[in-house]
Amino acid sequence: MNGRHPGFTTSRLHIEAVDTADGCVWTLELRDEHQQVATMQLAGQQLSYDAIDPSDAAGYIEEALTVITAYLARTLLLPSVTGNDGEAVVWEKSGFERTDDGFLLALTH
C-alpha cells in the first residue's frame, strides 16, 4: 500500500497520510492552527483512532471518518470496515453498528 493513501483537507482539518506496510496512519490537525487533535489508523479493514479528546466533543473524528470511509469505499472498494478502540458514541454517530468485536460499517460503492 505504500504511496497509495492520500491526505485530505476539510473545512476544519488537515489530514496527513503516512503509509504503513498494511495500511495507513492519518494525523488530524486543526486546519488553521496546525494543532494535532488525533491520529487514525487503517490496518487491513480495521480502523482505530487515538484522540486528544476521546469523546470527540468537537466532531473532528466524525468529520475525518466521513472523508476516510468515503475514500475507502470509492477508491479501495472495501465492502466494510471495523472500528476498534475509542468511544462507542463516536463510532455510532459515524454510522457504525456495534458488534461483539467492536463496530462495523458497511460501505456502499
N, C-alpha and C. Protein backbone atom coordinates (compact mmCIF):
# COMPACT_ATOMS: atom_id res chain seq x y z
N MET A 1 0.80 -1.19 0.00
CA MET A 1 0.00 0.00 0.00
C MET A 1 0.85 1.27 0.00
N ASN A 2 2.13 1.15 0.05
CA ASN A 2 2.98 2.35 0.16
C ASN A 2 2.71 3.33 -0.97
N GLY A 3 2.50 4.59 -0.60
CA GLY A 3 2.28 5.65 -1.56
C GLY A 3 0.88 5.74 -2.09
N ARG A 4 -0.03 4.92 -1.63
CA ARG A 4 -1.37 4.90 -2.19
C ARG A 4 -2.39 5.71 -1.42
N HIS A 5 -2.20 5.88 -0.14
CA HIS A 5 -3.22 6.55 0.67
C HIS A 5 -2.99 8.05 0.70
N PRO A 6 -4.04 8.82 0.37
CA PRO A 6 -3.89 10.27 0.30
C PRO A 6 -4.14 10.97 1.64
N GLY A 7 -3.70 12.19 1.70
CA GLY A 7 -4.11 13.10 2.76
C GLY A 7 -5.38 13.80 2.30
N PHE A 8 -6.03 14.48 3.20
CA PHE A 8 -7.28 15.16 2.90
C PHE A 8 -7.28 16.53 3.58
N THR A 9 -8.10 17.42 3.06
CA THR A 9 -8.35 18.70 3.71
C THR A 9 -9.86 18.87 3.78
N THR A 10 -10.35 19.22 4.96
CA THR A 10 -11.76 19.52 5.13
C THR A 10 -11.87 20.98 5.55
N SER A 11 -13.06 21.42 5.85
CA SER A 11 -13.21 22.82 6.25
C SER A 11 -12.50 23.13 7.56
N ARG A 12 -12.32 22.11 8.41
CA ARG A 12 -11.69 22.34 9.71
C ARG A 12 -10.38 21.59 9.93
N LEU A 13 -10.10 20.59 9.10
CA LEU A 13 -8.97 19.70 9.35
C LEU A 13 -8.02 19.59 8.17
N HIS A 14 -6.76 19.41 8.51
CA HIS A 14 -5.76 18.95 7.54
C HIS A 14 -5.43 17.54 8.01
N ILE A 15 -5.62 16.56 7.13
CA ILE A 15 -5.43 15.15 7.48
C ILE A 15 -4.28 14.63 6.63
N GLU A 16 -3.15 14.38 7.28
CA GLU A 16 -1.94 13.97 6.58
C GLU A 16 -1.77 12.46 6.67
N ALA A 17 -1.45 11.83 5.55
CA ALA A 17 -1.31 10.38 5.48
C ALA A 17 0.15 9.94 5.50
N VAL A 18 0.39 8.85 6.23
CA VAL A 18 1.69 8.17 6.21
C VAL A 18 1.37 6.69 6.01
N ASP A 19 1.83 6.13 4.91
CA ASP A 19 1.54 4.74 4.62
C ASP A 19 2.33 3.81 5.51
N THR A 20 1.71 2.66 5.83
CA THR A 20 2.36 1.60 6.59
C THR A 20 2.34 0.34 5.74
N ALA A 21 2.94 -0.72 6.23
CA ALA A 21 3.02 -1.97 5.46
C ALA A 21 1.64 -2.52 5.12
N ASP A 22 0.67 -2.36 6.02
CA ASP A 22 -0.66 -2.93 5.77
C ASP A 22 -1.78 -1.91 5.80
N GLY A 23 -1.45 -0.63 5.65
CA GLY A 23 -2.49 0.38 5.67
C GLY A 23 -1.94 1.78 5.72
N CYS A 24 -2.42 2.56 6.68
CA CYS A 24 -2.08 3.98 6.74
C CYS A 24 -2.34 4.52 8.13
N VAL A 25 -1.60 5.56 8.48
CA VAL A 25 -1.87 6.35 9.68
C VAL A 25 -2.14 7.77 9.20
N TRP A 26 -3.28 8.30 9.58
CA TRP A 26 -3.63 9.68 9.27
C TRP A 26 -3.49 10.51 10.53
N THR A 27 -2.82 11.65 10.43
CA THR A 27 -2.71 12.61 11.53
C THR A 27 -3.69 13.73 11.26
N LEU A 28 -4.55 13.99 12.24
CA LEU A 28 -5.57 15.03 12.12
C LEU A 28 -5.10 16.28 12.85
N GLU A 29 -4.99 17.36 12.10
CA GLU A 29 -4.61 18.65 12.68
C GLU A 29 -5.68 19.68 12.37
N LEU A 30 -5.87 20.61 13.31
CA LEU A 30 -6.76 21.73 13.04
C LEU A 30 -6.18 22.51 11.87
N ARG A 31 -6.98 22.78 10.90
CA ARG A 31 -6.51 23.36 9.64
C ARG A 31 -5.79 24.69 9.81
N ASP A 32 -6.33 25.59 10.59
CA ASP A 32 -5.75 26.92 10.72
C ASP A 32 -4.72 27.03 11.83
N GLU A 33 -4.77 26.11 12.79
CA GLU A 33 -3.90 26.22 13.95
C GLU A 33 -2.74 25.23 13.94
N HIS A 34 -2.76 24.25 13.07
CA HIS A 34 -1.74 23.20 12.98
C HIS A 34 -1.54 22.49 14.31
N GLN A 35 -2.62 22.34 15.06
CA GLN A 35 -2.60 21.63 16.33
C GLN A 35 -3.16 20.23 16.10
N GLN A 36 -2.41 19.21 16.49
CA GLN A 36 -2.85 17.84 16.32
C GLN A 36 -3.99 17.52 17.29
N VAL A 37 -5.06 16.92 16.76
CA VAL A 37 -6.19 16.54 17.60
C VAL A 37 -6.36 15.03 17.70
N ALA A 38 -5.78 14.28 16.75
CA ALA A 38 -5.94 12.83 16.78
C ALA A 38 -5.09 12.17 15.71
N THR A 39 -4.99 10.86 15.83
CA THR A 39 -4.47 10.03 14.74
C THR A 39 -5.50 8.95 14.48
N MET A 40 -5.56 8.52 13.24
CA MET A 40 -6.46 7.44 12.84
C MET A 40 -5.63 6.44 12.06
N GLN A 41 -5.83 5.16 12.34
CA GLN A 41 -5.03 4.14 11.68
C GLN A 41 -5.92 3.14 10.96
N LEU A 42 -5.51 2.79 9.76
CA LEU A 42 -6.14 1.73 8.98
C LEU A 42 -5.14 0.59 8.88
N ALA A 43 -5.54 -0.60 9.32
CA ALA A 43 -4.72 -1.80 9.17
C ALA A 43 -5.63 -2.86 8.57
N GLY A 44 -5.38 -3.20 7.30
CA GLY A 44 -6.30 -4.11 6.61
C GLY A 44 -7.63 -3.42 6.43
N GLN A 45 -8.67 -3.96 7.07
CA GLN A 45 -10.00 -3.36 7.03
C GLN A 45 -10.42 -2.88 8.41
N GLN A 46 -9.46 -2.61 9.26
CA GLN A 46 -9.76 -2.21 10.63
C GLN A 46 -9.28 -0.79 10.90
N LEU A 47 -10.19 0.04 11.38
CA LEU A 47 -9.88 1.43 11.74
C LEU A 47 -9.79 1.56 13.26
N SER A 48 -8.89 2.41 13.70
CA SER A 48 -8.83 2.78 15.11
C SER A 48 -8.40 4.23 15.17
N TYR A 49 -8.65 4.85 16.31
CA TYR A 49 -8.21 6.24 16.46
C TYR A 49 -7.71 6.46 17.88
N ASP A 50 -6.88 7.47 17.99
CA ASP A 50 -6.37 7.93 19.28
C ASP A 50 -6.51 9.44 19.27
N ALA A 51 -7.37 9.95 20.14
CA ALA A 51 -7.68 11.38 20.11
C ALA A 51 -7.30 12.06 21.42
N ILE A 52 -6.96 13.33 21.30
CA ILE A 52 -6.69 14.13 22.49
C ILE A 52 -7.97 14.28 23.31
N ASP A 53 -9.10 14.44 22.64
CA ASP A 53 -10.42 14.47 23.28
C ASP A 53 -11.15 13.20 22.84
N PRO A 54 -11.04 12.10 23.61
CA PRO A 54 -11.64 10.83 23.19
C PRO A 54 -13.14 10.90 22.96
N SER A 55 -13.84 11.83 23.63
CA SER A 55 -15.29 11.93 23.44
C SER A 55 -15.63 12.61 22.12
N ASP A 56 -14.63 13.21 21.47
CA ASP A 56 -14.81 13.90 20.19
C ASP A 56 -15.90 14.97 20.27
N ALA A 57 -15.85 15.75 21.33
CA ALA A 57 -16.87 16.78 21.55
C ALA A 57 -17.01 17.73 20.36
N ALA A 58 -15.91 18.03 19.67
CA ALA A 58 -15.96 18.95 18.54
C ALA A 58 -16.28 18.25 17.21
N GLY A 59 -16.34 16.92 17.21
CA GLY A 59 -16.70 16.19 15.99
C GLY A 59 -15.57 16.00 15.00
N TYR A 60 -14.32 16.17 15.42
CA TYR A 60 -13.20 16.03 14.48
C TYR A 60 -13.05 14.59 13.98
N ILE A 61 -13.20 13.60 14.85
CA ILE A 61 -13.09 12.21 14.44
C ILE A 61 -14.22 11.87 13.48
N GLU A 62 -15.43 12.31 13.81
CA GLU A 62 -16.57 12.07 12.94
C GLU A 62 -16.34 12.67 11.55
N GLU A 63 -15.80 13.87 11.51
CA GLU A 63 -15.51 14.54 10.24
C GLU A 63 -14.49 13.75 9.44
N ALA A 64 -13.42 13.31 10.10
CA ALA A 64 -12.38 12.53 9.43
C ALA A 64 -12.92 11.17 8.98
N LEU A 65 -13.73 10.53 9.81
CA LEU A 65 -14.30 9.23 9.43
C LEU A 65 -15.18 9.35 8.19
N THR A 66 -15.92 10.43 8.07
CA THR A 66 -16.76 10.64 6.88
C THR A 66 -15.90 10.67 5.62
N VAL A 67 -14.82 11.42 5.65
CA VAL A 67 -13.95 11.56 4.48
C VAL A 67 -13.20 10.25 4.21
N ILE A 68 -12.65 9.65 5.24
CA ILE A 68 -11.82 8.46 5.08
C ILE A 68 -12.66 7.25 4.65
N THR A 69 -13.84 7.06 5.26
CA THR A 69 -14.65 5.91 4.85
C THR A 69 -15.19 6.08 3.43
N ALA A 70 -15.46 7.31 3.01
CA ALA A 70 -15.87 7.54 1.62
C ALA A 70 -14.73 7.16 0.67
N TYR A 71 -13.51 7.53 1.04
CA TYR A 71 -12.33 7.15 0.24
C TYR A 71 -12.19 5.62 0.19
N LEU A 72 -12.32 4.96 1.33
CA LEU A 72 -12.17 3.50 1.38
C LEU A 72 -13.22 2.81 0.51
N ALA A 73 -14.42 3.34 0.50
CA ALA A 73 -15.49 2.75 -0.31
C ALA A 73 -15.27 3.01 -1.80
N ARG A 74 -14.97 4.25 -2.15
CA ARG A 74 -14.85 4.65 -3.56
C ARG A 74 -13.59 4.12 -4.22
N THR A 75 -12.47 4.28 -3.55
CA THR A 75 -11.19 4.01 -4.19
C THR A 75 -10.70 2.59 -3.96
N LEU A 76 -10.81 2.11 -2.73
CA LEU A 76 -10.33 0.76 -2.42
C LEU A 76 -11.41 -0.29 -2.58
N LEU A 77 -12.66 0.16 -2.75
CA LEU A 77 -13.80 -0.73 -2.91
C LEU A 77 -13.93 -1.75 -1.79
N LEU A 78 -13.58 -1.33 -0.57
CA LEU A 78 -13.75 -2.22 0.58
C LEU A 78 -15.24 -2.40 0.85
N PRO A 79 -15.68 -3.62 1.13
CA PRO A 79 -17.10 -3.83 1.41
C PRO A 79 -17.51 -3.35 2.79
N SER A 80 -16.57 -3.34 3.72
CA SER A 80 -16.86 -2.89 5.08
C SER A 80 -15.56 -2.60 5.81
N VAL A 81 -15.66 -1.89 6.92
CA VAL A 81 -14.54 -1.66 7.83
C VAL A 81 -15.04 -1.87 9.24
N THR A 82 -14.13 -2.27 10.11
CA THR A 82 -14.46 -2.40 11.52
C THR A 82 -13.74 -1.31 12.29
N GLY A 83 -14.34 -0.90 13.37
CA GLY A 83 -13.74 0.11 14.23
C GLY A 83 -13.47 -0.47 15.60
N ASN A 84 -12.33 -0.14 16.14
CA ASN A 84 -11.95 -0.59 17.47
C ASN A 84 -11.40 0.58 18.25
N ASP A 85 -11.35 0.42 19.55
CA ASP A 85 -10.83 1.45 20.45
C ASP A 85 -11.70 2.70 20.34
N GLY A 86 -11.41 3.66 21.14
CA GLY A 86 -12.19 4.89 21.11
C GLY A 86 -13.54 4.74 21.79
N GLU A 87 -14.33 5.76 21.69
CA GLU A 87 -15.63 5.83 22.36
C GLU A 87 -16.73 5.27 21.47
N ALA A 88 -17.60 4.46 22.07
CA ALA A 88 -18.71 3.86 21.33
C ALA A 88 -19.58 4.92 20.66
N VAL A 89 -19.86 6.01 21.36
CA VAL A 89 -20.74 7.04 20.82
C VAL A 89 -20.16 7.66 19.55
N VAL A 90 -18.84 7.76 19.47
CA VAL A 90 -18.20 8.33 18.28
C VAL A 90 -18.41 7.41 17.08
N TRP A 91 -18.17 6.11 17.27
CA TRP A 91 -18.38 5.16 16.18
C TRP A 91 -19.85 5.15 15.75
N GLU A 92 -20.76 5.12 16.73
CA GLU A 92 -22.18 5.05 16.41
C GLU A 92 -22.67 6.31 15.71
N LYS A 93 -22.20 7.49 16.11
CA LYS A 93 -22.58 8.74 15.43
C LYS A 93 -22.08 8.75 13.99
N SER A 94 -21.02 7.99 13.73
CA SER A 94 -20.46 7.93 12.37
C SER A 94 -21.08 6.80 11.54
N GLY A 95 -22.13 6.18 12.05
CA GLY A 95 -22.86 5.18 11.28
C GLY A 95 -22.42 3.74 11.51
N PHE A 96 -21.45 3.51 12.38
CA PHE A 96 -21.00 2.16 12.67
C PHE A 96 -22.01 1.47 13.59
N GLU A 97 -22.18 0.17 13.39
CA GLU A 97 -23.06 -0.62 14.24
C GLU A 97 -22.23 -1.44 15.21
N ARG A 98 -22.70 -1.52 16.44
CA ARG A 98 -21.99 -2.28 17.48
C ARG A 98 -22.06 -3.78 17.17
N THR A 99 -20.93 -4.45 17.28
CA THR A 99 -20.85 -5.91 17.14
C THR A 99 -20.15 -6.47 18.37
N ASP A 100 -20.03 -7.79 18.42
CA ASP A 100 -19.32 -8.41 19.54
C ASP A 100 -17.84 -8.03 19.55
N ASP A 101 -17.28 -7.74 18.38
CA ASP A 101 -15.84 -7.45 18.26
C ASP A 101 -15.50 -5.98 18.16
N GLY A 102 -16.48 -5.10 18.22
CA GLY A 102 -16.22 -3.67 18.06
C GLY A 102 -17.37 -3.03 17.32
N PHE A 103 -17.07 -2.40 16.20
CA PHE A 103 -18.07 -1.67 15.42
C PHE A 103 -17.86 -1.96 13.94
N LEU A 104 -18.95 -2.02 13.19
CA LEU A 104 -18.89 -2.37 11.77
C LEU A 104 -19.62 -1.33 10.95
N LEU A 105 -19.02 -0.96 9.83
CA LEU A 105 -19.67 -0.06 8.88
C LEU A 105 -19.63 -0.71 7.51
N ALA A 106 -20.81 -1.00 6.95
CA ALA A 106 -20.89 -1.50 5.58
C ALA A 106 -20.69 -0.30 4.66
N LEU A 107 -19.83 -0.46 3.67
CA LEU A 107 -19.51 0.64 2.76
C LEU A 107 -20.26 0.44 1.45
N THR A 108 -20.82 1.51 0.92
CA THR A 108 -21.51 1.45 -0.37
C THR A 108 -20.62 2.09 -1.42
N HIS A 109 -20.68 1.54 -2.60
CA HIS A 109 -19.78 2.00 -3.68
C HIS A 109 -20.54 2.79 -4.71
